[in-house]
Amino acid sequence: MISLQDKGTWRANENSATKLDMFFKDNSAMFQLVLDNDKIYIDRYGQPSLQYVLQESLVLHKVLDEINKLANEVDDIEEENRLIQFDDPDAIEQARSSLPARPN
């Protein structure tokens, strides 16, 4: 997500060891990625523009891709020893379905 700063669309701010704030270029809104011991969640702040909502959705698909890799695509680590584990095997797809836009 830090690499998104190079494109001028997002500005990242590490709020703490477990929180990353992502500010959109039009300053209409921002989201905060929070890594808790037992969950990962996103909070949105502000009144998002349409452009913000679409760009946020694309970024969150990339976040879900990375979480999916950590949880499911690590062949040499036993499932019970993985950094991320889901109670519901459809959790990633459920999160994706709540986003208003999908990448091409």
C-alpha atoms as a PDB file:
ATOM      1  CA  MET A   1       0.000   0.000   0.000  1.00  0.00           C
ATOM      2  CA  ILE A   2       2.943   2.289   0.566  1.00  0.00           C
ATOM      3  CA  SER A   3       3.771   2.052  -3.152  1.00  0.00           C
ATOM      4  CA  LEU A   4       0.437   3.764  -3.936  1.00  0.00           C
ATOM      5  CA  GLN A   5       1.980   7.032  -2.704  1.00  0.00           C
ATOM      6  CA  ASP A   6       4.271   7.069  -5.750  1.00  0.00           C
ATOM      7  CA  LYS A   7       1.251   7.391  -8.032  1.00  0.00           C
ATOM      8  CA  GLY A   8      -0.001  10.473  -6.171  1.00  0.00           C
ATOM      9  CA  THR A   9      -3.416   8.956  -5.468  1.00  0.00           C
ATOM     10  CA  TRP A  10      -2.902   7.966  -1.834  1.00  0.00           C
ATOM     11  CA  ARG A  11      -0.795   9.200   1.074  1.00  0.00           C
ATOM     12  CA  ALA A  12       0.046   6.679   3.782  1.00  0.00           C
ATOM     13  CA  ASN A  13       0.570   7.481   7.437  1.00  0.00           C
ATOM     14  CA  GLU A  14       1.600   4.801   9.925  1.00  0.00           C
ATOM     15  CA  ASN A  15      -0.638   5.714  12.847  1.00  0.00           C
ATOM     16  CA  SER A  16       0.819   3.022  15.138  1.00  0.00           C
ATOM     17  CA  ALA A  17       2.358  -0.444  14.901  1.00  0.00           C
ATOM     18  CA  THR A  18      -1.089  -1.854  14.130  1.00  0.00           C
ATOM     19  CA  LYS A  19      -2.766   0.972  12.175  1.00  0.00           C
ATOM     20  CA  LEU A  20      -2.133   2.432   8.742  1.00  0.00           C
ATOM     21  CA  ASP A  21      -4.036   5.513   7.586  1.00  0.00           C
ATOM     22  CA  MET A  22      -4.537   5.995   3.841  1.00  0.00           C
ATOM     23  CA  PHE A  23      -5.538   9.504   2.722  1.00  0.00           C
ATOM     24  CA  PHE A  24      -6.999  10.040  -0.751  1.00  0.00           C
ATOM     25  CA  LYS A  25      -5.683  12.797  -3.019  1.00  0.00           C
ATOM     26  CA  ASP A  26      -8.944  14.803  -2.998  1.00  0.00           C
ATOM     27  CA  ASN A  27      -9.016  14.817   0.836  1.00  0.00           C
ATOM     28  CA  SER A  28     -12.686  13.790   0.812  1.00  0.00           C
ATOM     29  CA  ALA A  29     -12.046  10.764   3.008  1.00  0.00           C
ATOM     30  CA  MET A  30      -9.488   8.296   4.309  1.00  0.00           C
ATOM     31  CA  PHE A  31      -9.471   4.707   5.483  1.00  0.00           C
ATOM     32  CA  GLN A  32      -7.613   3.077   8.305  1.00  0.00           C
ATOM     33  CA  LEU A  33      -6.338  -0.491   8.103  1.00  0.00           C
ATOM     34  CA  VAL A  34      -6.258  -2.003  11.588  1.00  0.00           C
ATOM     35  CA  LEU A  35      -4.414  -5.225  12.415  1.00  0.00           C
ATOM     36  CA  ASP A  36      -5.786  -6.690  15.636  1.00  0.00           C
ATOM     37  CA  ASN A  37      -4.748  -9.963  17.287  1.00  0.00           C
ATOM     38  CA  ASP A  38      -7.893 -11.712  16.088  1.00  0.00           C
ATOM     39  CA  LYS A  39      -9.109  -9.615  13.148  1.00  0.00           C
ATOM     40  CA  ILE A  40      -8.187  -7.240  10.366  1.00  0.00           C
ATOM     41  CA  TYR A  41     -10.618  -4.446   9.640  1.00  0.00           C
ATOM     42  CA  ILE A  42     -11.017  -1.190   7.751  1.00  0.00           C
ATOM     43  CA  ASP A  43     -12.602   1.993   9.072  1.00  0.00           C
ATOM     44  CA  ARG A  44     -13.515   4.860   6.726  1.00  0.00           C
ATOM     45  CA  TYR A  45     -13.583   8.488   7.836  1.00  0.00           C
ATOM     46  CA  GLY A  46     -14.930  11.539   6.021  1.00  0.00           C
ATOM     47  CA  GLN A  47     -17.461  12.057   3.252  1.00  0.00           C
ATOM     48  CA  PRO A  48     -16.039  10.112   0.303  1.00  0.00           C
ATOM     49  CA  SER A  49     -16.298  11.334  -3.257  1.00  0.00           C
ATOM     50  CA  LEU A  50     -17.344   8.883  -5.960  1.00  0.00           C
ATOM     51  CA  GLN A  51     -13.738   8.776  -7.185  1.00  0.00           C
ATOM     52  CA  TYR A  52     -12.601   7.954  -3.650  1.00  0.00           C
ATOM     53  CA  VAL A  53     -15.086   5.083  -3.313  1.00  0.00           C
ATOM     54  CA  LEU A  54     -13.972   3.528  -6.594  1.00  0.00           C
ATOM     55  CA  GLN A  55     -10.255   3.894  -5.834  1.00  0.00           C
ATOM     56  CA  GLU A  56     -10.695   2.627  -2.275  1.00  0.00           C
ATOM     57  CA  SER A  57     -12.463  -0.446  -3.613  1.00  0.00           C
ATOM     58  CA  LEU A  58      -9.569  -1.231  -5.976  1.00  0.00           C
ATOM     59  CA  VAL A  59      -7.024  -0.803  -3.178  1.00  0.00           C
ATOM     60  CA  LEU A  60      -9.004  -3.044  -0.845  1.00  0.00           C
ATOM     61  CA  HIS A  61      -9.111  -5.776  -3.503  1.00  0.00           C
ATOM     62  CA  LYS A  62      -5.295  -5.651  -3.512  1.00  0.00           C
ATOM     63  CA  VAL A  63      -5.266  -5.860   0.289  1.00  0.00           C
ATOM     64  CA  LEU A  64      -7.554  -8.898   0.139  1.00  0.00           C
ATOM     65  CA  ASP A  65      -5.246 -10.486  -2.460  1.00  0.00           C
ATOM     66  CA  GLU A  66      -2.295 -10.123  -0.086  1.00  0.00           C
ATOM     67  CA  ILE A  67      -4.240 -11.439   2.908  1.00  0.00           C
ATOM     68  CA  ASN A  68      -5.358 -14.403   0.815  1.00  0.00           C
ATOM     69  CA  LYS A  69      -1.747 -15.166  -0.132  1.00  0.00           C
ATOM     70  CA  LEU A  70      -0.676 -15.108   3.515  1.00  0.00           C
ATOM     71  CA  ALA A  71      -3.559 -17.322   4.580  1.00  0.00           C
ATOM     72  CA  ASN A  72      -3.849 -19.787   1.715  1.00  0.00           C
ATOM     73  CA  GLU A  73      -0.914 -19.788  -0.665  1.00  0.00           C
ATOM     74  CA  VAL A  74       1.959 -20.779   1.610  1.00  0.00           C
ATOM     75  CA  ASP A  75       2.738 -24.355   0.599  1.00  0.00           C
ATOM     76  CA  ASP A  76       5.619 -24.988   2.986  1.00  0.00           C
ATOM     77  CA  ILE A  77       3.782 -23.937   6.183  1.00  0.00           C
ATOM     78  CA  GLU A  78       1.171 -26.153   7.796  1.00  0.00           C
ATOM     79  CA  GLU A  79      -2.255 -24.522   7.922  1.00  0.00           C
ATOM     80  CA  GLU A  80      -2.393 -24.399  11.731  1.00  0.00           C
ATOM     81  CA  ASN A  81       0.982 -22.573  11.815  1.00  0.00           C
ATOM     82  CA  ARG A  82       0.123 -19.837   9.296  1.00  0.00           C
ATOM     83  CA  LEU A  83       0.179 -16.194  10.294  1.00  0.00           C
ATOM     84  CA  ILE A  84      -3.420 -15.670   9.146  1.00  0.00           C
ATOM     85  CA  GLN A  85      -6.214 -18.202   9.563  1.00  0.00           C
ATOM     86  CA  PHE A  86      -9.930 -17.846   8.909  1.00  0.00           C
ATOM     87  CA  ASP A  87     -12.850 -19.305  10.847  1.00  0.00           C
ATOM     88  CA  ASP A  88     -14.905 -19.013   7.655  1.00  0.00           C
ATOM     89  CA  PRO A  89     -13.184 -20.262   4.466  1.00  0.00           C
ATOM     90  CA  ASP A  90     -15.337 -17.840   2.411  1.00  0.00           C
ATOM     91  CA  ALA A  91     -14.247 -14.764   4.389  1.00  0.00           C
ATOM     92  CA  ILE A  92     -12.182 -13.248   1.559  1.00  0.00           C
ATOM     93  CA  GLU A  93     -14.974 -13.650  -1.009  1.00  0.00           C
ATOM     94  CA  GLN A  94     -17.534 -12.247   1.416  1.00  0.00           C
ATOM     95  CA  ALA A  95     -15.351  -9.188   1.932  1.00  0.00           C
ATOM     96  CA  ARG A  96     -14.877  -8.815  -1.842  1.00  0.00           C
ATOM     97  CA  SER A  97     -18.621  -8.980  -2.457  1.00  0.00           C
ATOM     98  CA  SER A  98     -19.154  -5.975  -0.173  1.00  0.00           C
ATOM     99  CA  LEU A  99     -16.909  -3.732  -2.318  1.00  0.00           C
ATOM    100  CA  PRO A 100     -18.677  -1.618  -4.959  1.00  0.00           C
ATOM    101  CA  ALA A 101     -16.054  -1.979  -7.717  1.00  0.00           C
ATOM    102  CA  ARG A 102     -13.930  -4.844  -9.028  1.00  0.00           C
ATOM    103  CA  PRO A 103     -10.595  -4.604 -10.817  1.00  0.00           C
ATOM    104  CA  ASN A 104     -10.460  -5.622 -14.490  1.00  0.00           C
END
